[in-house]
Amino acid sequence: MARSFLYAWEGLVYAWRVQRNFRLEAYLGLLALLLALWLGVDPVPVLLLIALVLSLELLNTALEAFTDLASPVHHPLAKRAKDTAAAAVFLASLLALSIGLYLFLPPLLRKLGLT
């Protein structure tokens, strides 16, 4: 079982080191969490959305690596697999943005004295 955690940790380290989008999404997630705490918004939905986006980014990274291994030469189906996995991250990010606006906008406007 300890090996499983070690392998998972290695995957996180790899994604952090190699995947710029993973780092960007992690930073944006941290910013959203800090904003939730500052605004007094329940952090649980924010944490769930962060986990969703980062998990899908990790799956996208894994699928890209596997696709490159299986099809080192450009192939239309390999492109389709990569594009579809990227679309999953994109949709989750749009969902996170939409829910973030829903959660943060009213308390932010109140805090700034605009309502």
PDB file of N, CA and C in Angstrom:
ATOM      1  N   MET A   1       0.820  -1.194   0.000  1.00  0.00           N
ATOM      2  CA  MET A   1       0.000   0.000   0.000  1.00  0.00           C
ATOM      3  C   MET A   1       0.865   1.259   0.000  1.00  0.00           C
ATOM      4  N   ALA A   2       1.978   1.228   0.726  1.00  0.00           N
ATOM      5  CA  ALA A   2       2.874   2.381   0.746  1.00  0.00           C
ATOM      6  C   ALA A   2       3.418   2.665  -0.645  1.00  0.00           C
ATOM      7  N   ARG A   3       3.666   1.593  -1.417  1.00  0.00           N
ATOM      8  CA  ARG A   3       4.145   1.786  -2.789  1.00  0.00           C
ATOM      9  C   ARG A   3       3.119   2.545  -3.626  1.00  0.00           C
ATOM     10  N   SER A   4       1.849   2.249  -3.420  1.00  0.00           N
ATOM     11  CA  SER A   4       0.800   2.940  -4.174  1.00  0.00           C
ATOM     12  C   SER A   4       0.847   4.440  -3.916  1.00  0.00           C
ATOM     13  N   PHE A   5       1.043   4.814  -2.655  1.00  0.00           N
ATOM     14  CA  PHE A   5       1.143   6.240  -2.332  1.00  0.00           C
ATOM     15  C   PHE A   5       2.390   6.855  -2.958  1.00  0.00           C
ATOM     16  N   LEU A   6       3.479   6.102  -2.964  1.00  0.00           N
ATOM     17  CA  LEU A   6       4.709   6.587  -3.573  1.00  0.00           C
ATOM     18  C   LEU A   6       4.521   6.807  -5.072  1.00  0.00           C
ATOM     19  N   TYR A   7       3.869   5.862  -5.745  1.00  0.00           N
ATOM     20  CA  TYR A   7       3.610   6.017  -7.178  1.00  0.00           C
ATOM     21  C   TYR A   7       2.701   7.210  -7.451  1.00  0.00           C
ATOM     22  N   ALA A   8       1.687   7.371  -6.611  1.00  0.00           N
ATOM     23  CA  ALA A   8       0.786   8.516  -6.776  1.00  0.00           C
ATOM     24  C   ALA A   8       1.549   9.820  -6.568  1.00  0.00           C
ATOM     25  N   TRP A   9       2.408   9.850  -5.566  1.00  0.00           N
ATOM     26  CA  TRP A   9       3.207  11.050  -5.302  1.00  0.00           C
ATOM     27  C   TRP A   9       4.122  11.350  -6.498  1.00  0.00           C
ATOM     28  N   GLU A  10       4.726  10.306  -7.059  1.00  0.00           N
ATOM     29  CA  GLU A  10       5.578  10.495  -8.234  1.00  0.00           C
ATOM     30  C   GLU A  10       4.777  11.070  -9.404  1.00  0.00           C
ATOM     31  N   GLY A  11       3.536  10.624  -9.548  1.00  0.00           N
ATOM     32  CA  GLY A  11       2.678  11.171 -10.600  1.00  0.00           C
ATOM     33  C   GLY A  11       2.381  12.638 -10.380  1.00  0.00           C
ATOM     34  N   LEU A  12       2.112  13.026  -9.136  1.00  0.00           N
ATOM     35  CA  LEU A  12       1.872  14.440  -8.821  1.00  0.00           C
ATOM     36  C   LEU A  12       3.112  15.288  -9.085  1.00  0.00           C
ATOM     37  N   VAL A  13       4.256  14.778  -8.656  1.00  0.00           N
ATOM     38  CA  VAL A  13       5.507  15.512  -8.868  1.00  0.00           C
ATOM     39  C   VAL A  13       5.780  15.673 -10.362  1.00  0.00           C
ATOM     40  N   TYR A  14       5.559  14.603 -11.122  1.00  0.00           N
ATOM     41  CA  TYR A  14       5.756  14.670 -12.573  1.00  0.00           C
ATOM     42  C   TYR A  14       4.831  15.722 -13.189  1.00  0.00           C
ATOM     43  N   ALA A  15       3.555  15.670 -12.828  1.00  0.00           N
ATOM     44  CA  ALA A  15       2.599  16.626 -13.398  1.00  0.00           C
ATOM     45  C   ALA A  15       2.982  18.054 -13.022  1.00  0.00           C
ATOM     46  N   TRP A  16       3.384  18.259 -11.783  1.00  0.00           N
ATOM     47  CA  TRP A  16       3.772  19.602 -11.331  1.00  0.00           C
ATOM     48  C   TRP A  16       5.001  20.095 -12.112  1.00  0.00           C
ATOM     49  N   ARG A  17       5.953  19.212 -12.306  1.00  0.00           N
ATOM     50  CA  ARG A  17       7.201  19.584 -12.949  1.00  0.00           C
ATOM     51  C   ARG A  17       7.033  19.815 -14.452  1.00  0.00           C
ATOM     52  N   VAL A  18       6.204  19.005 -15.104  1.00  0.00           N
ATOM     53  CA  VAL A  18       6.162  18.989 -16.566  1.00  0.00           C
ATOM     54  C   VAL A  18       4.944  19.715 -17.149  1.00  0.00           C
ATOM     55  N   GLN A  19       3.829  19.675 -16.438  1.00  0.00           N
ATOM     56  CA  GLN A  19       2.590  20.202 -17.007  1.00  0.00           C
ATOM     57  C   GLN A  19       2.304  21.621 -16.516  1.00  0.00           C
ATOM     58  N   ARG A  20       2.531  22.594 -17.378  1.00  0.00           N
ATOM     59  CA  ARG A  20       2.288  23.996 -17.031  1.00  0.00           C
ATOM     60  C   ARG A  20       0.823  24.224 -16.655  1.00  0.00           C
ATOM     61  N   ASN A  21      -0.108  23.582 -17.377  1.00  0.00           N
ATOM     62  CA  ASN A  21      -1.524  23.767 -17.075  1.00  0.00           C
ATOM     63  C   ASN A  21      -1.879  23.248 -15.687  1.00  0.00           C
ATOM     64  N   PHE A  22      -1.262  22.156 -15.259  1.00  0.00           N
ATOM     65  CA  PHE A  22      -1.516  21.630 -13.920  1.00  0.00           C
ATOM     66  C   PHE A  22      -1.100  22.651 -12.867  1.00  0.00           C
ATOM     67  N   ARG A  23       0.080  23.243 -13.042  1.00  0.00           N
ATOM     68  CA  ARG A  23       0.536  24.258 -12.086  1.00  0.00           C
ATOM     69  C   ARG A  23      -0.395  25.472 -12.092  1.00  0.00           C
ATOM     70  N   LEU A  24      -0.778  25.925 -13.275  1.00  0.00           N
ATOM     71  CA  LEU A  24      -1.676  27.078 -13.378  1.00  0.00           C
ATOM     72  C   LEU A  24      -3.010  26.780 -12.696  1.00  0.00           C
ATOM     73  N   GLU A  25      -3.572  25.611 -12.948  1.00  0.00           N
ATOM     74  CA  GLU A  25      -4.854  25.251 -12.330  1.00  0.00           C
ATOM     75  C   GLU A  25      -4.716  25.111 -10.819  1.00  0.00           C
ATOM     76  N   ALA A  26      -3.588  24.614 -10.349  1.00  0.00           N
ATOM     77  CA  ALA A  26      -3.368  24.502  -8.903  1.00  0.00           C
ATOM     78  C   ALA A  26      -3.281  25.894  -8.278  1.00  0.00           C
ATOM     79  N   TYR A  27      -2.569  26.805  -8.911  1.00  0.00           N
ATOM     80  CA  TYR A  27      -2.481  28.169  -8.394  1.00  0.00           C
ATOM     81  C   TYR A  27      -3.842  28.858  -8.395  1.00  0.00           C
ATOM     82  N   LEU A  28      -4.599  28.686  -9.476  1.00  0.00           N
ATOM     83  CA  LEU A  28      -5.936  29.281  -9.531  1.00  0.00           C
ATOM     84  C   LEU A  28      -6.847  28.667  -8.477  1.00  0.00           C
ATOM     85  N   GLY A  29      -6.705  27.369  -8.243  1.00  0.00           N
ATOM     86  CA  GLY A  29      -7.484  26.724  -7.195  1.00  0.00           C
ATOM     87  C   GLY A  29      -7.145  27.272  -5.826  1.00  0.00           C
ATOM     88  N   LEU A  30      -5.865  27.480  -5.560  1.00  0.00           N
ATOM     89  CA  LEU A  30      -5.455  28.061  -4.283  1.00  0.00           C
ATOM     90  C   LEU A  30      -6.002  29.472  -4.133  1.00  0.00           C
ATOM     91  N   LEU A  31      -5.955  30.241  -5.206  1.00  0.00           N
ATOM     92  CA  LEU A  31      -6.516  31.591  -5.189  1.00  0.00           C
ATOM     93  C   LEU A  31      -8.013  31.549  -4.893  1.00  0.00           C
ATOM     94  N   ALA A  32      -8.729  30.621  -5.519  1.00  0.00           N
ATOM     95  CA  ALA A  32     -10.171  30.487  -5.275  1.00  0.00           C
ATOM     96  C   ALA A  32     -10.437  30.093  -3.826  1.00  0.00           C
ATOM     97  N   LEU A  33      -9.626  29.204  -3.283  1.00  0.00           N
ATOM     98  CA  LEU A  33      -9.801  28.792  -1.885  1.00  0.00           C
ATOM     99  C   LEU A  33      -9.554  29.964  -0.942  1.00  0.00           C
ATOM    100  N   LEU A  34      -8.506  30.728  -1.181  1.00  0.00           N
ATOM    101  CA  LEU A  34      -8.237  31.905  -0.348  1.00  0.00           C
ATOM    102  C   LEU A  34      -9.352  32.932  -0.462  1.00  0.00           C
ATOM    103  N   LEU A  35      -9.878  33.107  -1.667  1.00  0.00           N
ATOM    104  CA  LEU A  35     -10.998  34.029  -1.865  1.00  0.00           C
ATOM    105  C   LEU A  35     -12.230  33.553  -1.110  1.00  0.00           C
ATOM    106  N   ALA A  36     -12.490  32.254  -1.140  1.00  0.00           N
ATOM    107  CA  ALA A  36     -13.632  31.696  -0.407  1.00  0.00           C
ATOM    108  C   ALA A  36     -13.482  31.965   1.087  1.00  0.00           C
ATOM    109  N   LEU A  37     -12.296  31.756   1.618  1.00  0.00           N
ATOM    110  CA  LEU A  37     -12.073  31.990   3.045  1.00  0.00           C
ATOM    111  C   LEU A  37     -12.218  33.467   3.389  1.00  0.00           C
ATOM    112  N   TRP A  38     -11.699  34.345   2.536  1.00  0.00           N
ATOM    113  CA  TRP A  38     -11.796  35.790   2.777  1.00  0.00           C
ATOM    114  C   TRP A  38     -13.250  36.269   2.729  1.00  0.00           C
ATOM    115  N   LEU A  39     -14.028  35.694   1.814  1.00  0.00           N
ATOM    116  CA  LEU A  39     -15.425  36.111   1.653  1.00  0.00           C
ATOM    117  C   LEU A  39     -16.372  35.379   2.601  1.00  0.00           C
ATOM    118  N   GLY A  40     -15.885  34.383   3.305  1.00  0.00           N
ATOM    119  CA  GLY A  40     -16.753  33.614   4.195  1.00  0.00           C
ATOM    120  C   GLY A  40     -17.653  32.645   3.447  1.00  0.00           C
ATOM    121  N   VAL A  41     -17.215  32.223   2.274  1.00  0.00           N
ATOM    122  CA  VAL A  41     -17.960  31.257   1.468  1.00  0.00           C
ATOM    123  C   VAL A  41     -17.551  29.852   1.895  1.00  0.00           C
ATOM    124  N   ASP A  42     -18.509  28.933   1.916  1.00  0.00           N
ATOM    125  CA  ASP A  42     -18.223  27.545   2.265  1.00  0.00           C
ATOM    126  C   ASP A  42     -17.119  27.013   1.352  1.00  0.00           C
ATOM    127  N   PRO A  43     -15.986  26.573   1.906  1.00  0.00           N
ATOM    128  CA  PRO A  43     -14.886  26.123   1.059  1.00  0.00           C
ATOM    129  C   PRO A  43     -15.069  24.725   0.470  1.00  0.00           C
ATOM    130  N   VAL A  44     -16.050  23.963   0.958  1.00  0.00           N
ATOM    131  CA  VAL A  44     -16.200  22.580   0.488  1.00  0.00           C
ATOM    132  C   VAL A  44     -16.480  22.505  -1.010  1.00  0.00           C
ATOM    133  N   PRO A  45     -17.451  23.264  -1.548  1.00  0.00           N
ATOM    134  CA  PRO A  45     -17.653  23.183  -3.001  1.00  0.00           C
ATOM    135  C   PRO A  45     -16.423  23.635  -3.785  1.00  0.00           C
ATOM    136  N   VAL A  46     -15.707  24.606  -3.253  1.00  0.00           N
ATOM    137  CA  VAL A  46     -14.499  25.089  -3.928  1.00  0.00           C
ATOM    138  C   VAL A  46     -13.452  23.971  -3.959  1.00  0.00           C
ATOM    139  N   LEU A  47     -13.253  23.288  -2.830  1.00  0.00           N
ATOM    140  CA  LEU A  47     -12.298  22.188  -2.773  1.00  0.00           C
ATOM    141  C   LEU A  47     -12.693  21.049  -3.715  1.00  0.00           C
ATOM    142  N   LEU A  48     -13.981  20.764  -3.790  1.00  0.00           N
ATOM    143  CA  LEU A  48     -14.447  19.708  -4.698  1.00  0.00           C
ATOM    144  C   LEU A  48     -14.184  20.069  -6.156  1.00  0.00           C
ATOM    145  N   LEU A  49     -14.407  21.322  -6.507  1.00  0.00           N
ATOM    146  CA  LEU A  49     -14.151  21.749  -7.883  1.00  0.00           C
ATOM    147  C   LEU A  49     -12.664  21.746  -8.197  1.00  0.00           C
ATOM    148  N   ILE A  50     -11.845  22.151  -7.228  1.00  0.00           N
ATOM    149  CA  ILE A  50     -10.395  22.098  -7.425  1.00  0.00           C
ATOM    150  C   ILE A  50      -9.973  20.653  -7.671  1.00  0.00           C
ATOM    151  N   ALA A  51     -10.477  19.738  -6.845  1.00  0.00           N
ATOM    152  CA  ALA A  51     -10.128  18.323  -6.996  1.00  0.00           C
ATOM    153  C   ALA A  51     -10.596  17.790  -8.347  1.00  0.00           C
ATOM    154  N   LEU A  52     -11.779  18.200  -8.793  1.00  0.00           N
ATOM    155  CA  LEU A  52     -12.297  17.749 -10.079  1.00  0.00           C
ATOM    156  C   LEU A  52     -11.385  18.190 -11.221  1.00  0.00           C
ATOM    157  N   VAL A  53     -11.068  19.475 -11.256  1.00  0.00           N
ATOM    158  CA  VAL A  53     -10.253  20.002 -12.354  1.00  0.00           C
ATOM    159  C   VAL A  53      -8.855  19.386 -12.340  1.00  0.00           C
ATOM    160  N   LEU A  54      -8.220  19.335 -11.163  1.00  0.00           N
ATOM    161  CA  LEU A  54      -6.863  18.784 -11.090  1.00  0.00           C
ATOM    162  C   LEU A  54      -6.844  17.289 -11.407  1.00  0.00           C
ATOM    163  N   SER A  55      -7.863  16.570 -10.962  1.00  0.00           N
ATOM    164  CA  SER A  55      -7.925  15.133 -11.268  1.00  0.00           C
ATOM    165  C   SER A  55      -8.086  14.893 -12.762  1.00  0.00           C
ATOM    166  N   LEU A  56      -8.937  15.686 -13.392  1.00  0.00           N
ATOM    167  CA  LEU A  56      -9.095  15.531 -14.838  1.00  0.00           C
ATOM    168  C   LEU A  56      -7.824  15.933 -15.583  1.00  0.00           C
ATOM    169  N   GLU A  57      -7.120  16.922 -15.078  1.00  0.00           N
ATOM    170  CA  GLU A  57      -5.852  17.305 -15.700  1.00  0.00           C
ATOM    171  C   GLU A  57      -4.838  16.169 -15.583  1.00  0.00           C
ATOM    172  N   LEU A  58      -4.821  15.488 -14.446  1.00  0.00           N
ATOM    173  CA  LEU A  58      -3.926  14.338 -14.278  1.00  0.00           C
ATOM    174  C   LEU A  58      -4.307  13.206 -15.232  1.00  0.00           C
ATOM    175  N   LEU A  59      -5.607  12.955 -15.380  1.00  0.00           N
ATOM    176  CA  LEU A  59      -6.043  11.925 -16.331  1.00  0.00           C
ATOM    177  C   LEU A  59      -5.691  12.317 -17.763  1.00  0.00           C
ATOM    178  N   ASN A  60      -5.838  13.592 -18.073  1.00  0.00           N
ATOM    179  CA  ASN A  60      -5.471  14.075 -19.401  1.00  0.00           C
ATOM    180  C   ASN A  60      -3.980  13.853 -19.656  1.00  0.00           C
ATOM    181  N   THR A  61      -3.158  14.148 -18.657  1.00  0.00           N
ATOM    182  CA  THR A  61      -1.721  13.943 -18.778  1.00  0.00           C
ATOM    183  C   THR A  61      -1.391  12.471 -18.990  1.00  0.00           C
ATOM    184  N   ALA A  62      -2.052  11.612 -18.218  1.00  0.00           N
ATOM    185  CA  ALA A  62      -1.825  10.171 -18.353  1.00  0.00           C
ATOM    186  C   ALA A  62      -2.244   9.679 -19.732  1.00  0.00           C
ATOM    187  N   LEU A  63      -3.390  10.147 -20.209  1.00  0.00           N
ATOM    188  CA  LEU A  63      -3.863   9.709 -21.520  1.00  0.00           C
ATOM    189  C   LEU A  63      -2.947  10.206 -22.629  1.00  0.00           C
ATOM    190  N   GLU A  64      -2.431  11.416 -22.493  1.00  0.00           N
ATOM    191  CA  GLU A  64      -1.490  11.923 -23.498  1.00  0.00           C
ATOM    192  C   GLU A  64      -0.226  11.073 -23.537  1.00  0.00           C
ATOM    193  N   ALA A  65       0.301  10.729 -22.367  1.00  0.00           N
ATOM    194  CA  ALA A  65       1.518   9.903 -22.318  1.00  0.00           C
ATOM    195  C   ALA A  65       1.260   8.530 -22.925  1.00  0.00           C
ATOM    196  N   PHE A  66       0.137   7.927 -22.580  1.00  0.00           N
ATOM    197  CA  PHE A  66      -0.196   6.616 -23.112  1.00  0.00           C
ATOM    198  C   PHE A  66      -0.405   6.667 -24.629  1.00  0.00           C
ATOM    199  N   THR A  67      -1.066   7.711 -25.089  1.00  0.00           N
ATOM    200  CA  THR A  67      -1.308   7.863 -26.523  1.00  0.00           C
ATOM    201  C   THR A  67       0.010   8.031 -27.276  1.00  0.00           C
ATOM    202  N   ASP A  68       0.917   8.822 -26.713  1.00  0.00           N
ATOM    203  CA  ASP A  68       2.225   9.001 -27.354  1.00  0.00           C
ATOM    204  C   ASP A  68       2.999   7.687 -27.411  1.00  0.00           C
ATOM    205  N   LEU A  69       2.857   6.869 -26.367  1.00  0.00           N
ATOM    206  CA  LEU A  69       3.519   5.568 -26.350  1.00  0.00           C
ATOM    207  C   LEU A  69       2.909   4.639 -27.400  1.00  0.00           C
ATOM    208  N   ALA A  70       1.584   4.615 -27.461  1.00  0.00           N
ATOM    209  CA  ALA A  70       0.886   3.704 -28.367  1.00  0.00           C
ATOM    210  C   ALA A  70       0.977   4.149 -29.822  1.00  0.00           C
ATOM    211  N   SER A  71       1.065   5.459 -30.029  1.00  0.00           N
ATOM    212  CA  SER A  71       1.083   5.976 -31.396  1.00  0.00           C
ATOM    213  C   SER A  71       2.131   7.074 -31.519  1.00  0.00           C
ATOM    214  N   PRO A  72       3.415   6.688 -31.603  1.00  0.00           N
ATOM    215  CA  PRO A  72       4.466   7.706 -31.687  1.00  0.00           C
ATOM    216  C   PRO A  72       4.402   8.525 -32.977  1.00  0.00           C
ATOM    217  N   VAL A  73       3.788   7.970 -34.000  1.00  0.00           N
ATOM    218  CA  VAL A  73       3.602   8.689 -35.260  1.00  0.00           C
ATOM    219  C   VAL A  73       2.211   9.325 -35.221  1.00  0.00           C
ATOM    220  N   HIS A  74       2.102  10.514 -35.790  1.00  0.00           N
ATOM    221  CA  HIS A  74       0.804  11.206 -35.792  1.00  0.00           C
ATOM    222  C   HIS A  74      -0.280  10.305 -36.387  1.00  0.00           C
ATOM    223  N   HIS A  75      -1.373  10.218 -35.664  1.00  0.00           N
ATOM    224  CA  HIS A  75      -2.520   9.442 -36.131  1.00  0.00           C
ATOM    225  C   HIS A  75      -3.781  10.213 -35.752  1.00  0.00           C
ATOM    226  N   PRO A  76      -4.782  10.275 -36.651  1.00  0.00           N
ATOM    227  CA  PRO A  76      -5.994  11.036 -36.352  1.00  0.00           C
ATOM    228  C   PRO A  76      -6.715  10.560 -35.089  1.00  0.00           C
ATOM    229  N   LEU A  77      -6.693   9.262 -34.826  1.00  0.00           N
ATOM    230  CA  LEU A  77      -7.361   8.772 -33.614  1.00  0.00           C
ATOM    231  C   LEU A  77      -6.603   9.163 -32.353  1.00  0.00           C
ATOM    232  N   ALA A  78      -5.289   9.222 -32.442  1.00  0.00           N
ATOM    233  CA  ALA A  78      -4.496   9.686 -31.294  1.00  0.00           C
ATOM    234  C   ALA A  78      -4.833  11.147 -31.004  1.00  0.00           C
ATOM    235  N   LYS A  79      -4.940  11.948 -32.040  1.00  0.00           N
ATOM    236  CA  LYS A  79      -5.318  13.352 -31.868  1.00  0.00           C
ATOM    237  C   LYS A  79      -6.700  13.457 -31.258  1.00  0.00           C
ATOM    238  N   ARG A  80      -7.618  12.638 -31.730  1.00  0.00           N
ATOM    239  CA  ARG A  80      -8.986  12.664 -31.200  1.00  0.00           C
ATOM    240  C   ARG A  80      -8.996  12.316 -29.708  1.00  0.00           C
ATOM    241  N   ALA A  81      -8.219  11.315 -29.316  1.00  0.00           N
ATOM    242  CA  ALA A  81      -8.153  10.922 -27.901  1.00  0.00           C
ATOM    243  C   ALA A  81      -7.615  12.070 -27.049  1.00  0.00           C
ATOM    244  N   LYS A  82      -6.537  12.695 -27.511  1.00  0.00           N
ATOM    245  CA  LYS A  82      -5.945  13.799 -26.757  1.00  0.00           C
ATOM    246  C   LYS A  82      -6.896  15.002 -26.685  1.00  0.00           C
ATOM    247  N   ASP A  83      -7.511  15.337 -27.805  1.00  0.00           N
ATOM    248  CA  ASP A  83      -8.427  16.481 -27.828  1.00  0.00           C
ATOM    249  C   ASP A  83      -9.636  16.254 -26.928  1.00  0.00           C
ATOM    250  N   THR A  84     -10.143  15.034 -26.914  1.00  0.00           N
ATOM    251  CA  THR A  84     -11.313  14.722 -26.095  1.00  0.00           C
ATOM    252  C   THR A  84     -10.973  14.793 -24.612  1.00  0.00           C
ATOM    253  N   ALA A  85      -9.793  14.286 -24.238  1.00  0.00           N
ATOM    254  CA  ALA A  85      -9.372  14.372 -22.840  1.00  0.00           C
ATOM    255  C   ALA A  85      -9.186  15.832 -22.435  1.00  0.00           C
ATOM    256  N   ALA A  86      -8.618  16.637 -23.310  1.00  0.00           N
ATOM    257  CA  ALA A  86      -8.449  18.064 -23.023  1.00  0.00           C
ATOM    258  C   ALA A  86      -9.813  18.745 -22.893  1.00  0.00           C
ATOM    259  N   ALA A  87     -10.784  18.313 -23.685  1.00  0.00           N
ATOM    260  CA  ALA A  87     -12.130  18.880 -23.605  1.00  0.00           C
ATOM    261  C   ALA A  87     -12.770  18.607 -22.242  1.00  0.00           C
ATOM    262  N   ALA A  88     -12.481  17.453 -21.648  1.00  0.00           N
ATOM    263  CA  ALA A  88     -13.013  17.137 -20.320  1.00  0.00           C
ATOM    264  C   ALA A  88     -12.487  18.132 -19.291  1.00  0.00           C
ATOM    265  N   VAL A  89     -11.205  18.448 -19.367  1.00  0.00           N
ATOM    266  CA  VAL A  89     -10.621  19.439 -18.449  1.00  0.00           C
ATOM    267  C   VAL A  89     -11.243  20.806 -18.703  1.00  0.00           C
ATOM    268  N   PHE A  90     -11.418  21.143 -19.969  1.00  0.00           N
ATOM    269  CA  PHE A  90     -12.006  22.428 -20.331  1.00  0.00           C
ATOM    270  C   PHE A  90     -13.427  22.569 -19.779  1.00  0.00           C
ATOM    271  N   LEU A  91     -14.244  21.522 -19.942  1.00  0.00           N
ATOM    272  CA  LEU A  91     -15.614  21.575 -19.423  1.00  0.00           C
ATOM    273  C   LEU A  91     -15.641  21.700 -17.901  1.00  0.00           C
ATOM    274  N   ALA A  92     -14.782  20.950 -17.223  1.00  0.00           N
ATOM    275  CA  ALA A  92     -14.718  21.045 -15.764  1.00  0.00           C
ATOM    276  C   ALA A  92     -14.269  22.438 -15.336  1.00  0.00           C
ATOM    277  N   SER A  93     -13.352  23.028 -16.084  1.00  0.00           N
ATOM    278  CA  SER A  93     -12.891  24.382 -15.768  1.00  0.00           C
ATOM    279  C   SER A  93     -14.001  25.406 -15.964  1.00  0.00           C
ATOM    280  N   LEU A  94     -14.784  25.242 -17.021  1.00  0.00           N
ATOM    281  CA  LEU A  94     -15.929  26.137 -17.228  1.00  0.00           C
ATOM    282  C   LEU A  94     -16.954  25.985 -16.107  1.00  0.00           C
ATOM    283  N   LEU A  95     -17.193  24.759 -15.691  1.00  0.00           N
ATOM    284  CA  LEU A  95     -18.104  24.510 -14.575  1.00  0.00           C
ATOM    285  C   LEU A  95     -17.574  25.177 -13.313  1.00  0.00           C
ATOM    286  N   ALA A  96     -16.287  25.019 -13.035  1.00  0.00           N
ATOM    287  CA  ALA A  96     -15.683  25.624 -11.848  1.00  0.00           C
ATOM    288  C   ALA A  96     -15.795  27.148 -11.908  1.00  0.00           C
ATOM    289  N   LEU A  97     -15.546  27.723 -13.071  1.00  0.00           N
ATOM    290  CA  LEU A  97     -15.672  29.173 -13.219  1.00  0.00           C
ATOM    291  C   LEU A  97     -17.102  29.622 -12.983  1.00  0.00           C
ATOM    292  N   SER A  98     -18.063  28.923 -13.558  1.00  0.00           N
ATOM    293  CA  SER A  98     -19.479  29.287 -13.406  1.00  0.00           C
ATOM    294  C   SER A  98     -19.918  29.200 -11.950  1.00  0.00           C
ATOM    295  N   ILE A  99     -19.582  28.117 -11.296  1.00  0.00           N
ATOM    296  CA  ILE A  99     -19.971  27.957  -9.889  1.00  0.00           C
ATOM    297  C   ILE A  99     -19.213  28.963  -9.026  1.00  0.00           C
ATOM    298  N   GLY A 100     -17.953  29.232  -9.383  1.00  0.00           N
ATOM    299  CA  GLY A 100     -17.187  30.246  -8.655  1.00  0.00           C
ATOM    300  C   GLY A 100     -17.842  31.610  -8.732  1.00  0.00           C
ATOM    301  N   LEU A 101     -18.295  31.997  -9.903  1.00  0.00           N
ATOM    302  CA  LEU A 101     -18.998  33.277 -10.041  1.00  0.00           C
ATOM    303  C   LEU A 101     -20.285  33.282  -9.207  1.00  0.00           C
ATOM    304  N   TYR A 102     -21.002  32.193  -9.248  1.00  0.00           N
ATOM    305  CA  TYR A 102     -22.244  32.071  -8.474  1.00  0.00           C
ATOM    306  C   TYR A 102     -21.975  32.198  -6.969  1.00  0.00           C
ATOM    307  N   LEU A 103     -20.905  31.549  -6.511  1.00  0.00           N
ATOM    308  CA  LEU A 103     -20.594  31.567  -5.077  1.00  0.00           C
ATOM    309  C   LEU A 103     -19.953  32.877  -4.634  1.00  0.00           C
ATOM    310  N   PHE A 104     -19.065  33.423  -5.455  1.00  0.00           N
ATOM    311  CA  PHE A 104     -18.239  34.544  -5.017  1.00  0.00           C
ATOM    312  C   PHE A 104     -18.803  35.921  -5.325  1.00  0.00           C
ATOM    313  N   LEU A 105     -19.541  36.053  -6.423  1.00  0.00           N
ATOM    314  CA  LEU A 105     -19.952  37.392  -6.852  1.00  0.00           C
ATOM    315  C   LEU A 105     -20.803  38.129  -5.819  1.00  0.00           C
ATOM    316  N   PRO A 106     -21.896  37.530  -5.292  1.00  0.00           N
ATOM    317  CA  PRO A 106     -22.697  38.288  -4.319  1.00  0.00           C
ATOM    318  C   PRO A 106     -21.901  38.718  -3.075  1.00  0.00           C
ATOM    319  N   PRO A 107     -21.155  37.815  -2.402  1.00  0.00           N
ATOM    320  CA  PRO A 107     -20.413  38.286  -1.229  1.00  0.00           C
ATOM    321  C   PRO A 107     -19.286  39.265  -1.580  1.00  0.00           C
ATOM    322  N   LEU A 108     -18.691  39.134  -2.754  1.00  0.00           N
ATOM    323  CA  LEU A 108     -17.647  40.055  -3.155  1.00  0.00           C
ATOM    324  C   LEU A 108     -18.230  41.459  -3.376  1.00  0.00           C
ATOM    325  N   LEU A 109     -19.366  41.524  -4.041  1.00  0.00           N
ATOM    326  CA  LEU A 109     -20.009  42.818  -4.255  1.00  0.00           C
ATOM    327  C   LEU A 109     -20.411  43.461  -2.930  1.00  0.00           C
ATOM    328  N   ARG A 110     -20.916  42.642  -1.990  1.00  0.00           N
ATOM    329  CA  ARG A 110     -21.247  43.167  -0.657  1.00  0.00           C
ATOM    330  C   ARG A 110     -20.003  43.678   0.059  1.00  0.00           C
ATOM    331  N   LYS A 111     -18.935  42.921   0.001  1.00  0.00           N
ATOM    332  CA  LYS A 111     -17.690  43.295   0.698  1.00  0.00           C
ATOM    333  C   LYS A 111     -17.112  44.583   0.124  1.00  0.00           C
ATOM    334  N   LEU A 112     -17.285  44.784  -1.167  1.00  0.00           N
ATOM    335  CA  LEU A 112     -16.786  45.994  -1.810  1.00  0.00           C
ATOM    336  C   LEU A 112     -17.764  47.161  -1.701  1.00  0.00           C
ATOM    337  N   GLY A 113     -18.926  46.914  -1.085  1.00  0.00           N
ATOM    338  CA  GLY A 113     -19.924  47.964  -0.897  1.00  0.00           C
ATOM    339  C   GLY A 113     -20.653  48.343  -2.163  1.00  0.00           C
ATOM    340  N   LEU A 114     -20.735  47.427  -3.107  1.00  0.00           N
ATOM    341  CA  LEU A 114     -21.391  47.723  -4.378  1.00  0.00           C
ATOM    342  C   LEU A 114     -22.842  47.267  -4.418  1.00  0.00           C
ATOM    343  N   THR A 115     -23.329  46.666  -3.335  1.00  0.00           N
ATOM    344  CA  THR A 115     -24.754  46.297  -3.281  1.00  0.00           C
ATOM    345  C   THR A 115     -25.327  46.702  -1.951  1.00  0.00           C
TER     346      THR A 115
END
